[in-house]
Amino acid sequence: MKYREFFFTYRSYTPIPIIIVALVFADISGLSFVAGLLVAALGESIRIWSVRFAGSATRTTGEVGADVLVTTGPYGHMRNPLYLGNFLLSFGVLIIAWPLMPWFLIFYLVLFYFQYSAIISLEEDFLRNKFGDIYGEYEKNVPRFLPQLKNWQKGERQPTSLQKALRTEKNTLQSFSAIVILLI
């Protein structure tokens, strides 16, 4: 298995060592707790918004795939809103725990960049091959990771219900809640 496929397949498990270190070396203050909770809530909000448009297909860990190219909702502002949500959610946990700062934060940033660069490049290769010029136009007009204010607004995909998105996000919400409870 090549490294891009490895990181894609195991992306749900790679945060576990970071979480363990955060739990073991936690140095929580009232300020770190509130600030981290706000950052994590923003990350989870972005994830829920993204899942409403992309659906549960984003939860796959086997091979990269997509039935349709989603370009509406948050995907009209950035190509990888779920990964921005992941970043903010994990970053929020680290702010809550405040372990070995600032060194652990630097380690997290480097690790996140390396892992998600590999995953995103794998997914982009797949999307270029599957959707061709349509993806090429999308790629030219919508930034990879940092959102643009202007919504590209090409595509007709409608969001699913909030209830369905929350069901899809159930595991993420449960994991985050368990980590916060353990930190407290």
C-alpha atoms as a PDB file:
ATOM      1  CA  MET A   1       0.000   0.000   0.000  1.00  0.00           C
ATOM      2  CA  LYS A   2       1.375   3.386  -1.003  1.00  0.00           C
ATOM      3  CA  TYR A   3       1.547   6.184   1.537  1.00  0.00           C
ATOM      4  CA  ARG A   4      -1.347   8.209   0.042  1.00  0.00           C
ATOM      5  CA  GLU A   5      -3.653   5.189   0.150  1.00  0.00           C
ATOM      6  CA  PHE A   6      -2.454   4.368   3.667  1.00  0.00           C
ATOM      7  CA  PHE A   7      -3.327   7.823   4.972  1.00  0.00           C
ATOM      8  CA  PHE A   8      -6.677   7.781   3.148  1.00  0.00           C
ATOM      9  CA  THR A   9      -7.638   4.353   4.487  1.00  0.00           C
ATOM     10  CA  TYR A  10      -6.545   5.011   8.070  1.00  0.00           C
ATOM     11  CA  ARG A  11      -7.384   8.735   8.360  1.00  0.00           C
ATOM     12  CA  SER A  12      -9.909   8.013  11.118  1.00  0.00           C
ATOM     13  CA  TYR A  13      -7.237   6.321  13.242  1.00  0.00           C
ATOM     14  CA  THR A  14      -4.189   8.551  12.742  1.00  0.00           C
ATOM     15  CA  PRO A  15      -5.391  11.141  15.305  1.00  0.00           C
ATOM     16  CA  ILE A  16      -5.393   8.514  18.086  1.00  0.00           C
ATOM     17  CA  PRO A  17      -1.713   8.964  19.089  1.00  0.00           C
ATOM     18  CA  ILE A  18      -2.223  12.737  19.172  1.00  0.00           C
ATOM     19  CA  ILE A  19      -5.281  12.317  21.372  1.00  0.00           C
ATOM     20  CA  ILE A  20      -3.382  10.018  23.742  1.00  0.00           C
ATOM     21  CA  VAL A  21      -0.563  12.551  24.121  1.00  0.00           C
ATOM     22  CA  ALA A  22      -3.120  15.314  24.661  1.00  0.00           C
ATOM     23  CA  LEU A  23      -4.806  13.265  27.381  1.00  0.00           C
ATOM     24  CA  VAL A  24      -1.565  12.304  29.131  1.00  0.00           C
ATOM     25  CA  PHE A  25       0.018  15.774  29.053  1.00  0.00           C
ATOM     26  CA  ALA A  26      -3.133  17.887  29.399  1.00  0.00           C
ATOM     27  CA  ASP A  27      -2.709  21.232  31.120  1.00  0.00           C
ATOM     28  CA  ILE A  28      -6.253  22.601  30.903  1.00  0.00           C
ATOM     29  CA  SER A  29      -7.220  26.087  31.998  1.00  0.00           C
ATOM     30  CA  GLY A  30     -10.607  27.783  31.881  1.00  0.00           C
ATOM     31  CA  LEU A  31      -9.460  29.893  28.945  1.00  0.00           C
ATOM     32  CA  SER A  32      -8.038  26.935  26.992  1.00  0.00           C
ATOM     33  CA  PHE A  33     -11.236  24.974  27.597  1.00  0.00           C
ATOM     34  CA  VAL A  34     -13.581  27.703  26.347  1.00  0.00           C
ATOM     35  CA  ALA A  35     -11.353  28.710  23.404  1.00  0.00           C
ATOM     36  CA  GLY A  36     -10.809  25.102  22.343  1.00  0.00           C
ATOM     37  CA  LEU A  37     -14.497  24.292  22.605  1.00  0.00           C
ATOM     38  CA  LEU A  38     -15.328  27.256  20.342  1.00  0.00           C
ATOM     39  CA  VAL A  39     -12.735  26.220  17.738  1.00  0.00           C
ATOM     40  CA  ALA A  40     -13.908  22.597  17.846  1.00  0.00           C
ATOM     41  CA  ALA A  41     -17.553  23.685  17.531  1.00  0.00           C
ATOM     42  CA  LEU A  42     -16.648  25.721  14.443  1.00  0.00           C
ATOM     43  CA  GLY A  43     -14.886  22.669  12.988  1.00  0.00           C
ATOM     44  CA  GLU A  44     -17.844  20.394  13.657  1.00  0.00           C
ATOM     45  CA  SER A  45     -20.244  22.982  12.205  1.00  0.00           C
ATOM     46  CA  ILE A  46     -18.219  23.035   8.991  1.00  0.00           C
ATOM     47  CA  ARG A  47     -18.235  19.231   8.933  1.00  0.00           C
ATOM     48  CA  ILE A  48     -22.026  19.052   9.378  1.00  0.00           C
ATOM     49  CA  TRP A  49     -22.571  21.691   6.690  1.00  0.00           C
ATOM     50  CA  SER A  50     -20.287  19.720   4.352  1.00  0.00           C
ATOM     51  CA  VAL A  51     -21.957  16.385   5.050  1.00  0.00           C
ATOM     52  CA  ARG A  52     -25.338  17.929   4.287  1.00  0.00           C
ATOM     53  CA  PHE A  53     -24.113  18.470   0.708  1.00  0.00           C
ATOM     54  CA  ALA A  54     -21.743  15.532   0.191  1.00  0.00           C
ATOM     55  CA  GLY A  55     -23.746  12.908   2.066  1.00  0.00           C
ATOM     56  CA  SER A  56     -22.497   9.838   3.880  1.00  0.00           C
ATOM     57  CA  ALA A  57     -20.276   8.800   0.950  1.00  0.00           C
ATOM     58  CA  THR A  58     -17.563  10.919   2.577  1.00  0.00           C
ATOM     59  CA  ARG A  59     -17.300   8.366   5.402  1.00  0.00           C
ATOM     60  CA  THR A  60     -15.678   5.680   3.230  1.00  0.00           C
ATOM     61  CA  THR A  61     -12.285   4.350   4.187  1.00  0.00           C
ATOM     62  CA  GLY A  62     -11.790   1.807   1.418  1.00  0.00           C
ATOM     63  CA  GLU A  63     -10.932   3.277  -1.941  1.00  0.00           C
ATOM     64  CA  VAL A  64     -11.337   6.855  -3.084  1.00  0.00           C
ATOM     65  CA  GLY A  65     -14.618   7.310  -4.906  1.00  0.00           C
ATOM     66  CA  ALA A  66     -17.359   9.741  -5.841  1.00  0.00           C
ATOM     67  CA  ASP A  67     -20.632   9.300  -7.684  1.00  0.00           C
ATOM     68  CA  VAL A  68     -21.015  13.027  -8.315  1.00  0.00           C
ATOM     69  CA  LEU A  69     -18.818  16.090  -8.103  1.00  0.00           C
ATOM     70  CA  VAL A  70     -20.202  18.233  -5.285  1.00  0.00           C
ATOM     71  CA  THR A  71     -19.635  21.936  -5.983  1.00  0.00           C
ATOM     72  CA  THR A  72     -22.395  23.624  -3.976  1.00  0.00           C
ATOM     73  CA  GLY A  73     -22.738  24.693  -0.361  1.00  0.00           C
ATOM     74  CA  PRO A  74     -19.356  24.758   1.368  1.00  0.00           C
ATOM     75  CA  TYR A  75     -17.838  23.054  -1.691  1.00  0.00           C
ATOM     76  CA  GLY A  76     -18.494  26.277  -3.625  1.00  0.00           C
ATOM     77  CA  HIS A  77     -16.185  28.116  -1.198  1.00  0.00           C
ATOM     78  CA  MET A  78     -13.393  25.510  -0.902  1.00  0.00           C
ATOM     79  CA  ARG A  79     -12.737  22.070  -2.317  1.00  0.00           C
ATOM     80  CA  ASN A  80     -12.049  20.317   1.003  1.00  0.00           C
ATOM     81  CA  PRO A  81     -14.356  21.729   3.685  1.00  0.00           C
ATOM     82  CA  LEU A  82     -14.529  18.428   5.575  1.00  0.00           C
ATOM     83  CA  TYR A  83     -10.771  18.507   6.043  1.00  0.00           C
ATOM     84  CA  LEU A  84     -10.872  22.104   7.252  1.00  0.00           C
ATOM     85  CA  GLY A  85     -13.517  20.917   9.721  1.00  0.00           C
ATOM     86  CA  ASN A  86     -11.256  18.027  10.781  1.00  0.00           C
ATOM     87  CA  PHE A  87      -8.359  20.422  11.284  1.00  0.00           C
ATOM     88  CA  LEU A  88     -10.393  22.799  13.441  1.00  0.00           C
ATOM     89  CA  LEU A  89     -11.997  19.985  15.440  1.00  0.00           C
ATOM     90  CA  SER A  90      -8.610  18.434  16.299  1.00  0.00           C
ATOM     91  CA  PHE A  91      -7.027  21.840  16.826  1.00  0.00           C
ATOM     92  CA  GLY A  92      -9.847  22.647  19.255  1.00  0.00           C
ATOM     93  CA  VAL A  93      -9.099  19.482  21.238  1.00  0.00           C
ATOM     94  CA  LEU A  94      -5.441  20.489  21.448  1.00  0.00           C
ATOM     95  CA  ILE A  95      -6.362  23.967  22.618  1.00  0.00           C
ATOM     96  CA  ILE A  96      -8.635  22.466  25.306  1.00  0.00           C
ATOM     97  CA  ALA A  97      -5.909  20.063  26.481  1.00  0.00           C
ATOM     98  CA  TRP A  98      -2.986  22.474  25.929  1.00  0.00           C
ATOM     99  CA  PRO A  99      -0.368  19.664  26.025  1.00  0.00           C
ATOM    100  CA  LEU A 100       3.352  20.425  25.728  1.00  0.00           C
ATOM    101  CA  MET A 101       2.688  23.745  24.049  1.00  0.00           C
ATOM    102  CA  PRO A 102       3.885  25.166  21.697  1.00  0.00           C
ATOM    103  CA  TRP A 103       5.920  22.147  20.534  1.00  0.00           C
ATOM    104  CA  PHE A 104       3.022  19.757  20.281  1.00  0.00           C
ATOM    105  CA  LEU A 105       1.040  22.275  18.279  1.00  0.00           C
ATOM    106  CA  ILE A 106       3.900  22.569  15.777  1.00  0.00           C
ATOM    107  CA  PHE A 107       4.093  18.776  15.573  1.00  0.00           C
ATOM    108  CA  TYR A 108       0.337  18.613  14.940  1.00  0.00           C
ATOM    109  CA  LEU A 109       0.499  21.221  12.163  1.00  0.00           C
ATOM    110  CA  VAL A 110       3.324  19.383  10.374  1.00  0.00           C
ATOM    111  CA  LEU A 111       1.629  15.997  10.730  1.00  0.00           C
ATOM    112  CA  PHE A 112      -1.746  17.319   9.564  1.00  0.00           C
ATOM    113  CA  TYR A 113      -0.153  19.018   6.551  1.00  0.00           C
ATOM    114  CA  PHE A 114       1.746  15.865   5.552  1.00  0.00           C
ATOM    115  CA  GLN A 115      -1.227  13.521   5.989  1.00  0.00           C
ATOM    116  CA  TYR A 116      -3.863  15.665   4.330  1.00  0.00           C
ATOM    117  CA  SER A 117      -1.587  16.735   1.466  1.00  0.00           C
ATOM    118  CA  ALA A 118      -1.268  13.036   0.644  1.00  0.00           C
ATOM    119  CA  ILE A 119      -5.012  12.388   0.967  1.00  0.00           C
ATOM    120  CA  ILE A 120      -6.042  15.463  -1.024  1.00  0.00           C
ATOM    121  CA  SER A 121      -3.613  14.722  -3.858  1.00  0.00           C
ATOM    122  CA  LEU A 122      -4.961  11.156  -4.083  1.00  0.00           C
ATOM    123  CA  GLU A 123      -8.547  12.389  -4.192  1.00  0.00           C
ATOM    124  CA  GLU A 124      -7.735  15.108  -6.721  1.00  0.00           C
ATOM    125  CA  ASP A 125      -6.107  12.572  -9.043  1.00  0.00           C
ATOM    126  CA  PHE A 126      -9.247  10.451  -8.847  1.00  0.00           C
ATOM    127  CA  LEU A 127     -11.573  13.408  -9.464  1.00  0.00           C
ATOM    128  CA  ARG A 128      -9.497  14.673 -12.421  1.00  0.00           C
ATOM    129  CA  ASN A 129      -9.657  11.229 -14.016  1.00  0.00           C
ATOM    130  CA  LYS A 130     -13.366  10.741 -13.369  1.00  0.00           C
ATOM    131  CA  PHE A 131     -14.754  14.224 -14.053  1.00  0.00           C
ATOM    132  CA  GLY A 132     -12.135  15.627 -16.476  1.00  0.00           C
ATOM    133  CA  ASP A 133     -12.753  19.197 -17.647  1.00  0.00           C
ATOM    134  CA  ILE A 134     -15.598  19.761 -15.195  1.00  0.00           C
ATOM    135  CA  TYR A 135     -13.225  19.132 -12.295  1.00  0.00           C
ATOM    136  CA  GLY A 136     -10.525  21.188 -14.008  1.00  0.00           C
ATOM    137  CA  GLU A 137     -12.843  24.206 -14.115  1.00  0.00           C
ATOM    138  CA  TYR A 138     -13.835  23.644 -10.488  1.00  0.00           C
ATOM    139  CA  GLU A 139     -10.178  23.319  -9.489  1.00  0.00           C
ATOM    140  CA  LYS A 140      -9.318  26.633 -11.196  1.00  0.00           C
ATOM    141  CA  ASN A 141     -12.157  28.534  -9.520  1.00  0.00           C
ATOM    142  CA  VAL A 142     -12.353  27.116  -5.998  1.00  0.00           C
ATOM    143  CA  PRO A 143      -9.391  27.033  -3.589  1.00  0.00           C
ATOM    144  CA  ARG A 144      -8.173  23.729  -2.201  1.00  0.00           C
ATOM    145  CA  PHE A 145      -8.286  24.398   1.516  1.00  0.00           C
ATOM    146  CA  LEU A 146      -8.727  28.015   2.589  1.00  0.00           C
ATOM    147  CA  PRO A 147     -12.253  29.236   1.855  1.00  0.00           C
ATOM    148  CA  GLN A 148     -13.041  32.088  -0.457  1.00  0.00           C
ATOM    149  CA  LEU A 149     -15.885  34.439   0.402  1.00  0.00           C
ATOM    150  CA  LYS A 150     -17.380  34.252  -3.061  1.00  0.00           C
ATOM    151  CA  ASN A 151     -19.427  31.097  -3.650  1.00  0.00           C
ATOM    152  CA  TRP A 152     -18.639  29.511  -7.018  1.00  0.00           C
ATOM    153  CA  GLN A 153     -22.321  28.546  -7.364  1.00  0.00           C
ATOM    154  CA  LYS A 154     -22.068  25.988 -10.135  1.00  0.00           C
ATOM    155  CA  GLY A 155     -24.011  22.823  -9.572  1.00  0.00           C
ATOM    156  CA  GLU A 156     -27.464  21.959  -8.399  1.00  0.00           C
ATOM    157  CA  ARG A 157     -26.972  19.595  -5.468  1.00  0.00           C
ATOM    158  CA  GLN A 158     -29.386  20.324  -2.637  1.00  0.00           C
ATOM    159  CA  PRO A 159     -28.497  19.706   1.005  1.00  0.00           C
ATOM    160  CA  THR A 160     -29.872  16.728   2.854  1.00  0.00           C
ATOM    161  CA  SER A 161     -31.699  17.236   6.134  1.00  0.00           C
ATOM    162  CA  LEU A 162     -29.832  18.319   9.231  1.00  0.00           C
ATOM    163  CA  GLN A 163     -31.128  15.196  10.990  1.00  0.00           C
ATOM    164  CA  LYS A 164     -29.557  12.920   8.354  1.00  0.00           C
ATOM    165  CA  ALA A 165     -26.274  14.843   8.514  1.00  0.00           C
ATOM    166  CA  LEU A 166     -26.205  14.496  12.298  1.00  0.00           C
ATOM    167  CA  ARG A 167     -26.754  10.726  11.958  1.00  0.00           C
ATOM    168  CA  THR A 168     -23.796  10.607   9.562  1.00  0.00           C
ATOM    169  CA  GLU A 169     -21.708  12.613  12.047  1.00  0.00           C
ATOM    170  CA  LYS A 170     -22.768  10.507  15.034  1.00  0.00           C
ATOM    171  CA  ASN A 171     -19.401   8.750  15.428  1.00  0.00           C
ATOM    172  CA  THR A 172     -17.454  12.003  15.204  1.00  0.00           C
ATOM    173  CA  LEU A 173     -19.716  13.693  17.749  1.00  0.00           C
ATOM    174  CA  GLN A 174     -19.502  10.717  20.120  1.00  0.00           C
ATOM    175  CA  SER A 175     -15.703  10.566  19.831  1.00  0.00           C
ATOM    176  CA  PHE A 176     -15.332  14.293  20.459  1.00  0.00           C
ATOM    177  CA  SER A 177     -17.662  14.127  23.466  1.00  0.00           C
ATOM    178  CA  ALA A 178     -15.734  11.178  24.928  1.00  0.00           C
ATOM    179  CA  ILE A 179     -12.418  12.987  24.536  1.00  0.00           C
ATOM    180  CA  VAL A 180     -13.749  16.130  26.221  1.00  0.00           C
ATOM    181  CA  ILE A 181     -15.177  14.066  29.077  1.00  0.00           C
ATOM    182  CA  LEU A 182     -11.831  12.302  29.523  1.00  0.00           C
ATOM    183  CA  LEU A 183     -10.015  15.647  29.518  1.00  0.00           C
ATOM    184  CA  ILE A 184     -12.350  17.039  32.166  1.00  0.00           C
END
